[in-house]
Protein backbone atom coordinates (compact mmCIF):
# COMPACT_ATOMS: atom_id res chain seq x y z
CA MET A 1 24.15 -53.85 1.69
CA VAL A 2 22.42 -51.99 -1.15
CA LYS A 3 19.10 -53.46 -0.11
CA ARG A 4 19.65 -52.27 3.44
CA ILE A 5 20.44 -48.75 2.24
CA VAL A 6 17.30 -48.71 0.11
CA VAL A 7 15.21 -49.84 3.09
CA LEU A 8 16.73 -47.14 5.29
CA LEU A 9 16.04 -44.50 2.66
CA LEU A 10 12.44 -45.63 2.35
CA LEU A 11 12.03 -45.52 6.12
CA ALA A 12 13.55 -42.05 6.19
CA LEU A 13 11.14 -40.87 3.46
CA VAL A 14 8.18 -42.35 5.32
CA ALA A 15 9.31 -40.64 8.52
CA LEU A 16 9.79 -37.35 6.68
CA ALA A 17 6.34 -37.62 5.09
CA ALA A 18 4.84 -38.31 8.51
CA VAL A 19 6.55 -35.27 10.02
CA VAL A 20 5.36 -33.08 7.14
CA GLY A 21 1.83 -34.42 7.39
CA ILE A 22 1.65 -33.95 11.15
CA LYS A 23 3.08 -30.43 10.90
CA THR A 24 0.54 -29.55 8.21
CA TRP A 25 -2.36 -31.03 10.17
CA ARG A 26 -1.33 -29.40 13.43
CA THR A 27 -0.77 -25.93 12.00
CA PRO A 28 -3.76 -24.10 13.46
CA SER A 29 -5.86 -21.43 11.81
CA ARG A 30 -4.86 -17.93 12.83
CA GLN A 31 -8.24 -16.45 11.96
CA VAL A 32 -10.10 -14.92 14.89
CA ALA A 33 -13.60 -16.21 15.61
CA VAL A 34 -16.28 -13.52 15.60
CA GLU A 35 -19.99 -13.44 16.23
CA PRO A 36 -22.18 -12.75 13.18
CA LEU A 37 -22.54 -9.00 12.74
CA GLN A 38 -25.73 -7.10 12.19
CA LYS A 39 -24.19 -4.64 9.75
CA ALA A 40 -25.14 -1.00 9.92
CA PRO A 41 -27.92 -0.16 7.44
CA VAL A 42 -26.72 1.93 4.52
CA ASP A 43 -28.76 3.56 1.75
CA ALA A 44 -26.73 2.27 -1.18
CA GLN A 45 -28.08 4.64 -3.81
CA ALA A 46 -27.69 7.71 -1.59
CA VAL A 47 -24.08 6.99 -0.68
CA ALA A 48 -23.24 6.12 -4.28
CA GLY A 49 -24.67 9.47 -5.31
CA ARG A 50 -22.51 11.34 -2.82
CA LEU A 51 -19.37 9.51 -3.97
CA SER A 52 -20.32 10.24 -7.57
CA GLY A 53 -20.52 13.95 -6.72
CA ALA A 54 -17.05 13.92 -5.16
CA VAL A 55 -15.53 12.22 -8.21
CA ARG A 56 -16.62 15.14 -10.40
CA PHE A 57 -14.07 17.49 -8.85
CA LYS A 58 -10.78 17.33 -10.78
CA THR A 59 -8.53 17.33 -7.73
CA ILE A 60 -5.34 16.49 -9.62
CA SER A 61 -2.22 17.32 -7.60
CA SER A 62 1.04 18.72 -8.94
CA LEU A 63 4.55 18.26 -7.62
CA GLU A 64 5.73 21.60 -9.01
CA ASP A 65 2.71 23.82 -8.38
CA PRO A 66 1.05 23.69 -4.93
CA GLN A 67 -1.83 25.79 -6.24
CA ALA A 68 -2.63 23.59 -9.21
CA ASN A 69 -6.39 22.93 -9.33
CA ALA A 70 -6.83 24.74 -5.99
CA ALA A 71 -10.33 25.80 -7.00
CA GLU A 72 -11.33 22.17 -7.50
CA PHE A 73 -10.10 21.25 -4.02
CA GLN A 74 -12.03 24.16 -2.52
CA LYS A 75 -15.18 23.03 -4.34
CA LEU A 76 -14.68 19.56 -2.90
CA HIS A 77 -14.33 20.99 0.62
CA ALA A 78 -17.57 22.94 0.23
CA TYR A 79 -19.27 19.80 -1.08
CA LEU A 80 -18.11 17.79 1.96
CA ARG A 81 -19.45 20.44 4.33
CA GLU A 82 -22.79 20.35 2.53
CA GLN A 83 -23.10 16.56 2.36
CA PHE A 84 -21.93 15.70 5.89
CA PRO A 85 -23.51 18.26 8.25
CA ALA A 86 -23.60 16.00 11.34
CA LEU A 87 -19.91 15.22 11.00
CA HIS A 88 -19.09 18.90 10.71
CA GLY A 89 -21.25 19.56 13.73
CA VAL A 90 -19.24 17.34 16.09
CA MET A 91 -15.74 17.39 14.57
CA LYS A 92 -13.45 20.38 14.69
CA LEU A 93 -12.00 21.20 11.28
CA GLU A 94 -8.46 22.48 10.92
CA GLU A 95 -7.09 23.60 7.56
CA PRO A 96 -3.29 23.70 7.85
CA GLY A 97 -2.82 24.90 4.27
CA ASP A 98 -2.23 23.48 0.80
CA ASN A 99 -5.78 22.11 0.80
CA ALA A 100 -5.10 19.59 3.56
CA LEU A 101 -7.82 18.83 6.11
CA ILE A 102 -7.64 17.69 9.75
CA TYR A 103 -10.88 16.72 11.48
CA VAL A 104 -10.83 16.13 15.25
CA TRP A 105 -13.60 14.55 17.33
CA PRO A 106 -12.53 15.10 20.96
CA GLY A 107 -12.82 12.06 23.20
CA SER A 108 -14.05 12.00 26.79
CA ASP A 109 -10.85 10.38 28.12
CA PRO A 110 -7.86 12.72 27.70
CA LYS A 111 -5.50 9.93 28.83
CA ALA A 112 -6.51 7.57 26.01
CA LYS A 113 -4.29 7.81 22.96
CA PRO A 114 -6.17 9.01 19.88
CA ILE A 115 -6.62 7.03 16.69
CA ALA A 116 -6.76 8.29 13.12
CA LEU A 117 -8.34 7.45 9.80
CA MET A 118 -6.46 8.69 6.73
CA ALA A 119 -7.45 9.12 3.08
CA HIS A 120 -6.23 11.61 0.48
CA GLN A 121 -8.25 13.93 -1.73
CA ASP A 122 -6.00 14.14 -4.79
CA VAL A 123 -6.06 11.90 -7.83
CA VAL A 124 -3.68 11.08 -10.66
CA PRO A 125 -4.35 12.58 -14.11
CA ILE A 126 -5.67 10.59 -17.04
CA ALA A 127 -2.68 9.20 -18.95
CA SER A 128 -2.21 11.10 -22.18
CA GLY A 129 -3.47 9.16 -25.17
CA THR A 130 -5.80 6.92 -23.15
CA GLU A 131 -8.79 9.26 -22.95
CA ASP A 132 -10.70 7.43 -25.68
CA LYS A 133 -10.21 4.09 -23.94
CA TRP A 134 -12.53 5.09 -21.09
CA SER A 135 -16.07 3.75 -21.43
CA VAL A 136 -17.32 6.78 -19.43
CA GLU A 137 -16.11 10.35 -19.01
CA PRO A 138 -13.39 10.05 -16.31
CA PHE A 139 -14.67 12.92 -14.14
CA ALA A 140 -18.41 12.54 -14.68
CA GLY A 141 -18.97 10.29 -11.65
CA THR A 142 -21.15 8.03 -13.79
CA ILE A 143 -23.25 5.43 -11.98
CA LYS A 144 -24.06 2.39 -14.11
CA ASP A 145 -24.02 -1.40 -13.98
CA GLY A 146 -23.76 -1.37 -10.19
CA TYR A 147 -20.58 0.75 -10.09
CA VAL A 148 -19.49 4.32 -9.46
CA TRP A 149 -17.06 5.09 -12.29
CA GLY A 150 -14.35 7.71 -12.54
CA ARG A 151 -10.93 8.83 -11.44
CA GLY A 152 -10.75 8.65 -7.66
CA ALA A 153 -13.72 6.33 -7.16
CA TRP A 154 -11.23 3.75 -5.91
CA ASP A 155 -8.09 5.79 -5.17
CA ASP A 156 -8.80 7.42 -2.84
CA LYS A 157 -12.10 9.28 -2.65
CA GLY A 158 -13.79 5.93 -2.12
CA ASN A 159 -11.97 5.58 1.20
CA LEU A 160 -12.36 9.25 2.13
CA LEU A 161 -16.10 9.34 1.51
CA ALA A 162 -16.60 5.95 3.17
CA GLN A 163 -14.87 7.25 6.29
CA MET A 164 -16.97 10.40 6.27
CA GLU A 165 -20.18 8.42 5.73
CA SER A 166 -19.37 6.24 8.74
CA LEU A 167 -18.58 9.25 10.93
CA GLU A 168 -21.78 10.97 9.78
CA MET A 169 -23.77 7.88 10.79
CA LEU A 170 -22.10 7.75 14.20
CA ALA A 171 -22.68 11.45 14.82
CA LYS A 172 -26.35 11.14 13.93
CA ALA A 173 -26.69 8.11 16.25
CA GLY A 174 -25.38 10.04 19.25
CA PHE A 175 -22.00 8.34 19.34
CA ARG A 176 -19.69 9.80 22.00
CA PRO A 177 -16.04 8.86 21.51
CA GLN A 178 -14.01 7.85 24.53
CA ARG A 179 -10.72 8.35 22.71
CA THR A 180 -10.22 11.23 20.30
CA ILE A 181 -10.75 10.39 16.64
CA TYR A 182 -8.86 12.16 13.85
CA LEU A 183 -9.64 12.16 10.15
CA ILE A 184 -6.55 13.29 8.22
CA SER A 185 -6.75 14.08 4.52
CA GLY A 186 -3.87 15.44 2.48
CA ALA A 187 -4.14 16.84 -1.02
CA ASP A 188 -0.81 15.78 -2.52
CA GLU A 189 -0.35 12.08 -1.72
CA GLU A 190 0.03 11.21 -5.39
CA VAL A 191 3.12 13.46 -5.61
CA GLY A 192 4.74 12.49 -2.32
CA GLY A 193 2.62 14.00 0.45
CA HIS A 194 5.33 16.46 1.50
CA ARG A 195 2.99 19.49 1.63
CA GLY A 196 0.14 17.54 3.21
CA ALA A 197 0.77 14.50 5.41
CA GLU A 198 4.41 15.32 6.13
CA ARG A 199 3.58 18.83 7.36
CA ILE A 200 0.54 17.55 9.25
CA ALA A 201 2.73 15.03 11.07
CA LYS A 202 5.16 17.78 12.03
CA ARG A 203 2.31 19.99 13.20
CA LEU A 204 0.75 17.24 15.34
CA LYS A 205 4.12 16.33 16.83
CA GLU A 206 4.62 19.94 17.89
CA GLN A 207 1.18 19.79 19.52
CA GLY A 208 2.20 16.68 21.46
CA VAL A 209 -0.23 14.37 19.64
CA HIS A 210 0.74 10.71 19.55
CA PHE A 211 -1.61 8.08 18.15
CA ALA A 212 -2.29 4.56 19.39
CA TRP A 213 -2.65 3.55 15.75
CA ILE A 214 -3.53 4.89 12.31
CA ILE A 215 -5.18 3.25 9.33
CA ASP A 216 -4.46 4.54 5.82
CA GLU A 217 -5.14 3.23 2.32
CA GLY A 218 -3.27 0.08 1.45
CA LEU A 219 -3.67 -3.58 0.65
CA LEU A 220 -7.01 -5.02 -0.42
CA VAL A 221 -9.49 -7.86 -0.12
CA THR A 222 -8.20 -9.86 -3.06
CA GLU A 223 -10.13 -12.64 -4.75
CA GLY A 224 -8.48 -15.19 -7.03
CA VAL A 225 -5.06 -13.61 -6.62
CA MET A 226 -3.40 -16.08 -4.22
CA PRO A 227 -2.76 -19.50 -5.87
CA GLY A 228 -4.12 -22.31 -3.71
CA LEU A 229 -6.44 -20.01 -1.75
CA THR A 230 -10.10 -20.16 -2.74
CA LYS A 231 -11.25 -17.67 -0.10
CA PRO A 232 -10.68 -13.91 -0.39
CA ALA A 233 -7.40 -12.77 1.16
CA ALA A 234 -7.69 -9.58 3.21
CA LEU A 235 -4.12 -8.35 3.55
CA VAL A 236 -3.34 -5.70 6.15
CA GLY A 237 -0.18 -3.76 5.36
CA VAL A 238 2.01 -3.73 8.46
CA ALA A 239 4.95 -2.08 6.70
CA GLU A 240 5.78 -0.08 3.60
CA LYS A 241 8.79 -0.41 1.37
CA GLY A 242 11.23 2.46 1.22
CA TYR A 243 11.89 4.52 -1.90
CA ALA A 244 15.40 5.11 -3.26
CA SER A 245 16.45 6.51 -6.62
CA PHE A 246 20.08 7.00 -7.55
CA LYS A 247 21.50 8.95 -10.47
CA LEU A 248 24.57 7.43 -12.13
CA LYS A 249 26.83 9.94 -13.94
CA LEU A 250 29.77 9.22 -16.21
CA ASN A 251 32.11 11.62 -18.00
CA ALA A 252 34.31 10.22 -20.79
CA THR A 253 36.21 11.45 -23.83
CA PRO A 254 33.87 12.38 -26.69
CA GLY A 255 34.84 11.64 -30.27
CA HIS A 256 33.84 10.95 -33.84
CA SER A 257 32.03 7.71 -34.54
CA SER A 258 34.45 6.96 -37.41
CA MET A 259 37.24 6.37 -34.86
CA PRO A 260 35.54 4.79 -31.82
CA PRO A 261 37.62 3.78 -28.81
CA LEU A 262 38.55 0.12 -28.66
CA HIS A 263 36.76 -0.11 -25.30
CA GLY A 264 35.41 2.09 -22.57
CA SER A 265 32.96 4.37 -24.37
CA ALA A 266 30.62 6.23 -22.02
CA ILE A 267 27.55 4.38 -23.28
CA GLY A 268 29.36 1.04 -23.11
CA GLN A 269 30.53 1.57 -19.54
CA MET A 270 27.15 2.80 -18.38
CA GLY A 271 25.33 0.02 -20.21
CA GLY A 272 27.53 -2.59 -18.55
CA ALA A 273 26.94 -1.09 -15.12
CA LEU A 274 23.17 -1.03 -15.63
CA ALA A 275 23.15 -4.61 -16.90
CA ARG A 276 25.02 -5.72 -13.78
CA LEU A 277 22.61 -3.88 -11.50
CA GLU A 278 19.65 -5.55 -13.19
CA SER A 279 21.12 -9.05 -13.08
CA GLN A 280 22.74 -8.85 -9.61
CA GLN A 281 19.80 -7.78 -7.47
CA MET A 282 19.82 -7.58 -3.71
CA PRO A 283 19.12 -10.90 -1.97
CA ALA A 284 15.62 -12.19 -1.31
CA THR A 285 14.46 -13.37 2.08
CA LEU A 286 11.47 -15.41 3.17
CA GLY A 287 12.05 -16.43 6.77
CA GLY A 288 11.53 -13.72 9.37
CA SER A 289 10.13 -11.23 6.84
CA VAL A 290 6.68 -9.71 6.53
CA ALA A 291 6.11 -12.17 3.69
CA GLY A 292 6.93 -15.01 6.08
CA SER A 293 4.33 -13.75 8.56
CA MET A 294 1.80 -13.49 5.73
CA PHE A 295 2.36 -17.09 4.65
CA ASP A 296 2.14 -18.28 8.26
CA ALA A 297 -1.37 -16.80 8.40
CA LEU A 298 -2.44 -18.03 4.96
CA ALA A 299 -1.03 -21.57 5.12
CA PRO A 300 -3.78 -23.18 7.25
CA GLU A 301 -6.46 -21.77 4.93
CA MET A 302 -4.94 -23.04 1.69
CA GLU A 303 -5.67 -26.22 -0.22
CA GLY A 304 -3.49 -28.90 -1.80
CA PHE A 305 0.28 -28.71 -1.95
CA GLY A 306 0.23 -25.00 -1.17
CA ARG A 307 -0.91 -25.74 2.36
CA VAL A 308 1.71 -28.47 2.78
CA ALA A 309 4.54 -26.31 1.45
CA LEU A 310 3.69 -23.16 3.39
CA SER A 311 3.14 -25.13 6.60
CA ASN A 312 6.60 -26.66 6.22
CA LEU A 313 8.87 -23.86 5.06
CA TRP A 314 11.68 -25.48 7.06
CA LEU A 315 11.68 -28.08 4.26
CA PHE A 316 10.08 -26.42 1.24
CA GLY A 317 11.34 -22.88 1.84
CA PRO A 318 13.87 -22.85 -1.03
CA VAL A 319 11.29 -24.24 -3.48
CA VAL A 320 8.63 -21.73 -2.40
CA GLN A 321 11.09 -18.86 -2.58
CA LYS A 322 12.20 -19.82 -6.08
CA GLN A 323 8.58 -19.93 -7.26
CA LEU A 324 7.85 -16.54 -5.68
CA GLU A 325 10.92 -14.99 -7.27
CA ALA A 326 9.61 -16.03 -10.70
CA SER A 327 6.70 -13.57 -10.50
CA PRO A 328 7.29 -9.79 -10.42
CA ALA A 329 4.49 -9.22 -7.88
CA SER A 330 5.59 -11.88 -5.38
CA ASN A 331 9.29 -11.25 -6.01
CA ALA A 332 8.74 -7.67 -4.84
CA MET A 333 7.54 -8.97 -1.45
CA LEU A 334 10.84 -10.78 -0.86
CA ARG A 335 13.56 -8.32 -1.79
CA THR A 336 14.61 -4.77 -2.47
CA THR A 337 13.80 -4.50 -6.17
CA THR A 338 15.90 -2.80 -8.85
CA ALA A 339 14.32 -0.91 -11.75
CA LEU A 340 16.21 0.90 -14.52
CA THR A 341 13.99 3.90 -15.23
CA ILE A 342 15.87 6.71 -17.06
CA ILE A 343 18.91 6.90 -19.34
CA ASN A 344 20.27 9.88 -21.27
CA GLY A 345 23.35 10.04 -23.47
CA GLY A 346 24.26 11.28 -26.90
CA ASN A 347 22.50 13.66 -29.26
CA LYS A 348 23.82 12.84 -32.73
CA ASP A 349 24.22 9.56 -34.56
CA ASN A 350 27.86 10.14 -35.58
CA VAL A 351 29.19 11.56 -32.30
CA ILE A 352 30.38 9.44 -29.38
CA PRO A 353 29.03 11.25 -26.31
CA GLY A 354 31.26 12.42 -23.52
CA TYR A 355 28.56 12.27 -20.86
CA VAL A 356 25.91 9.67 -19.96
CA GLU A 357 23.58 9.56 -16.99
CA ALA A 358 21.01 7.07 -15.81
CA THR A 359 18.53 6.67 -12.95
CA VAL A 360 17.91 3.46 -11.06
CA ASN A 361 14.96 3.12 -8.68
CA PHE A 362 14.88 0.75 -5.71
CA ARG A 363 11.91 -0.16 -3.52
CA VAL A 364 13.59 -0.93 -0.23
CA LEU A 365 12.57 -3.96 1.82
CA PRO A 366 12.28 -3.48 5.60
CA GLY A 367 15.58 -4.68 6.96
CA ASP A 368 17.55 -2.98 4.17
CA THR A 369 18.40 0.73 4.36
CA LEU A 370 19.22 3.57 1.99
CA ALA A 371 22.85 3.19 3.01
CA SER A 372 22.93 -0.54 2.29
CA VAL A 373 21.31 0.02 -1.10
CA GLN A 374 23.86 2.68 -2.02
CA GLU A 375 26.66 0.37 -0.92
CA HIS A 376 25.18 -2.35 -3.14
CA VAL A 377 25.10 0.05 -6.11
CA HIS A 378 28.77 1.00 -5.69
CA LYS A 379 29.81 -2.63 -5.32
CA VAL A 380 27.90 -3.92 -8.36
CA VAL A 381 28.75 -0.97 -10.61
CA GLY A 382 32.42 -1.53 -9.78
CA ASN A 383 33.58 1.53 -11.71
CA ASP A 384 35.00 4.52 -9.86
CA ALA A 385 34.47 6.68 -12.94
CA ILE A 386 30.70 6.37 -12.49
CA LYS A 387 29.50 8.74 -9.79
CA VAL A 388 26.46 7.70 -7.76
CA GLU A 389 24.17 10.40 -6.32
CA PRO A 390 21.01 9.79 -4.27
CA TYR A 391 17.86 11.64 -5.24
CA PRO A 392 16.42 14.12 -2.78
CA GLY A 393 13.30 12.73 -1.14
CA ASN A 394 14.54 9.16 -0.83
CA ALA A 395 12.82 7.47 2.11
CA GLU A 396 13.73 4.60 4.40
CA PRO A 397 11.33 1.64 4.66
CA SER A 398 8.77 2.03 7.40
CA PRO A 399 9.00 0.24 10.72
CA VAL A 400 7.01 -2.99 10.87
CA SER A 401 3.84 -2.28 12.87
CA PRO A 402 3.03 -4.89 15.52
CA MET A 403 0.64 -7.72 14.75
CA ASP A 404 -0.09 -8.40 18.43
CA ALA A 405 -1.35 -4.88 19.23
CA PRO A 406 -4.86 -3.44 19.75
CA GLY A 407 -4.95 -1.68 16.38
CA TYR A 408 -4.22 -4.82 14.38
CA ALA A 409 -6.67 -6.77 16.53
CA ALA A 410 -9.43 -4.22 15.88
CA ILE A 411 -8.80 -4.23 12.13
CA GLN A 412 -8.61 -8.02 12.00
CA LYS A 413 -11.85 -8.44 13.95
CA THR A 414 -13.63 -5.87 11.79
CA ILE A 415 -12.57 -7.56 8.56
CA ARG A 416 -13.84 -10.90 9.84
CA GLN A 417 -17.18 -9.30 10.73
CA VAL A 418 -17.72 -7.36 7.51
CA PHE A 419 -16.02 -9.85 5.16
CA PRO A 420 -16.75 -13.11 7.04
CA GLU A 421 -15.50 -15.31 4.22
CA GLY A 422 -12.15 -13.51 4.13
CA VAL A 423 -8.78 -14.72 5.40
CA VAL A 424 -6.87 -11.99 7.24
CA ALA A 425 -3.08 -11.86 6.98
CA PRO A 426 -0.35 -9.25 7.41
CA GLY A 427 1.23 -7.96 4.24
CA LEU A 428 3.83 -5.59 2.81
CA MET A 429 2.78 -2.40 1.03
CA LEU A 430 4.90 -2.13 -2.11
CA GLY A 431 3.94 1.43 -3.04
CA ALA A 432 4.11 4.66 -1.05
CA THR A 433 1.29 6.10 1.04
CA ASP A 434 0.78 9.18 3.21
CA GLY A 435 0.98 6.83 6.18
CA ARG A 436 4.77 6.71 5.92
CA HIS A 437 4.93 10.29 7.18
CA MET A 438 3.10 9.30 10.38
CA ASP A 439 5.47 6.64 11.68
CA GLY A 440 7.07 9.01 14.18
CA ILE A 441 3.80 10.07 15.81
CA SER A 442 2.01 6.73 16.14
CA ASP A 443 2.62 3.41 17.85
CA ALA A 444 1.49 1.67 14.65
CA VAL A 445 0.44 2.52 11.10
CA TYR A 446 -1.66 -0.01 9.21
CA ARG A 447 -2.35 0.16 5.48
CA PHE A 448 -5.61 -1.45 4.41
CA SER A 449 -8.43 -0.54 2.03
CA PRO A 450 -11.67 -2.55 2.39
CA VAL A 451 -11.89 -2.81 -1.40
CA ARG A 452 -12.62 -6.12 -3.14
CA ALA A 453 -10.40 -6.75 -6.14
CA ARG A 454 -9.94 -9.59 -8.60
CA PRO A 455 -6.95 -9.87 -10.96
CA GLU A 456 -8.87 -8.15 -13.76
CA ASP A 457 -9.62 -5.19 -11.48
CA LEU A 458 -6.01 -4.36 -10.61
CA PRO A 459 -5.15 -2.57 -13.90
CA ARG A 460 -7.94 -0.07 -13.15
CA PHE A 461 -5.91 1.30 -10.21
CA HIS A 462 -4.34 4.51 -11.61
CA GLY A 463 -5.53 3.15 -14.96
CA THR A 464 -8.41 3.25 -17.39
CA ASN A 465 -12.04 2.77 -16.30
CA GLU A 466 -11.41 3.15 -12.58
CA ARG A 467 -14.51 2.20 -10.62
CA ILE A 468 -15.89 0.87 -7.33
CA ALA A 469 -18.79 -1.56 -6.96
CA ILE A 470 -21.67 0.03 -5.06
CA ASP A 471 -22.18 -3.16 -3.01
CA ASN A 472 -18.51 -3.07 -2.04
CA TYR A 473 -18.72 0.66 -1.27
CA VAL A 474 -21.50 -0.12 1.21
CA GLU A 475 -19.14 -2.68 2.80
CA MET A 476 -16.43 -0.04 3.01
CA ILE A 477 -18.73 2.26 4.97
CA GLN A 478 -19.78 -0.60 7.23
CA PHE A 479 -16.12 -1.50 7.77
CA TYR A 480 -15.14 1.96 9.04
CA HIS A 481 -18.33 2.24 11.09
CA GLN A 482 -17.65 -1.09 12.82
CA LEU A 483 -13.92 -0.42 13.16
CA LEU A 484 -14.56 2.65 15.30
CA ARG A 485 -16.88 0.62 17.50
CA ASN A 486 -14.36 -2.22 17.81
CA ALA A 487 -11.57 0.23 18.58
CA GLY A 488 -13.10 1.00 21.96
CA ALA A 489 -13.71 4.56 20.86
CA SER A 490 -17.22 4.82 22.30
CA SER A 491 -18.32 5.55 25.83
CA ALA A 492 -21.97 5.10 24.91
CA ALA A 493 -24.06 2.08 24.06
CA SER A 494 -23.42 0.71 20.60
CA PRO A 495 -25.32 2.79 18.08
CA GLY A 496 -27.56 0.93 15.72
């Protein structure tokens, strides 16, 4: 009897292995086939010089002061007019205020929905105390070792100037757009985009403008980041996590530290609530999520057990999910994350405070809502004495933009042409972009930056020694140039 059971188990394992192997083998590549591209010629040193010039303007935005560094933004605008005369000759410039810019290139077909490129002008400041860690002056626009260095070279003047370079090239080549092309550039993305992109979206909605699709900054062409994937992964953000901060407030009886309460001090109650919020996070999900769609696209391109596991999530899903939850970066793709960010309470070492407050920040996964997050907070805190108040400016997660639509197809095709070794997959944008303000006036918003990045490059984003490789910057220009051609925006023969 035992022998028979063992034989049956072995047969079952063989059958299971066969099913897994067949499923892995039959999982087709989702990468689109493209013809080799004759990339547009770009004068690398000239374009690097123009980006270097733009980096020199200290366009640091401020949440409190709309006019902070206004002179620097105006200098940048004058510089753009000087450096891109052909663009300014064919595109109408609107300045809606607060240093925002809207460029419009009217198309020949008024019935065709317009498309838009987006990139912001503002940059984050240099973190106090890190100035001496820079190997170059942060706003000098230094060119050395094959890179343009400085704050904004990557985020986001690299994208803005690359878009303008591509439009300049098209204008000089006699390009005539069939559908209207917009270039939208806010000046306060780094502090929320409420004066720039949000007001621009409202303005365009009032004008009756509705886009077929929009591309804004976002995910990257990563190299050596995905375990089991030897090729670069070009991730196109099809959604953006929401942003939700909640302030927790607790009033209690103050007293002298020589006679502390036996239980229930304000700090003790708040500390317990925060510990519960950190340990009892909202549930993770793999199936049916943006992460699931990403792994569906990556699985056929992976090697070893990674390919087997991701091709058979019906079997290995729990194992894969557990591994992903073990890393902060991949865990953030699967769930609404919880971060304890601020706590205030007490002002003297021998006084038990009567008031404590704390702030908890959540990045909200599509599928969750601000309301469901607040309900989770109340449930986990489990203390009616602790009042929970949402921050103003909290934002729902974005809709998930379609992956079977013309905009995604154009972006995917362009990536495969400009980065032929890359593997294209949908992804989830963990941070906030100006694109979130455009969801109501566009059929789709995609978040992708044609920037190559290895693990050692990622700390440079908003960090020390920010830079962009000149070779990659040329690719960025070629990407936007080809994207506009692939988008069906031209009514003329393809420009050279």
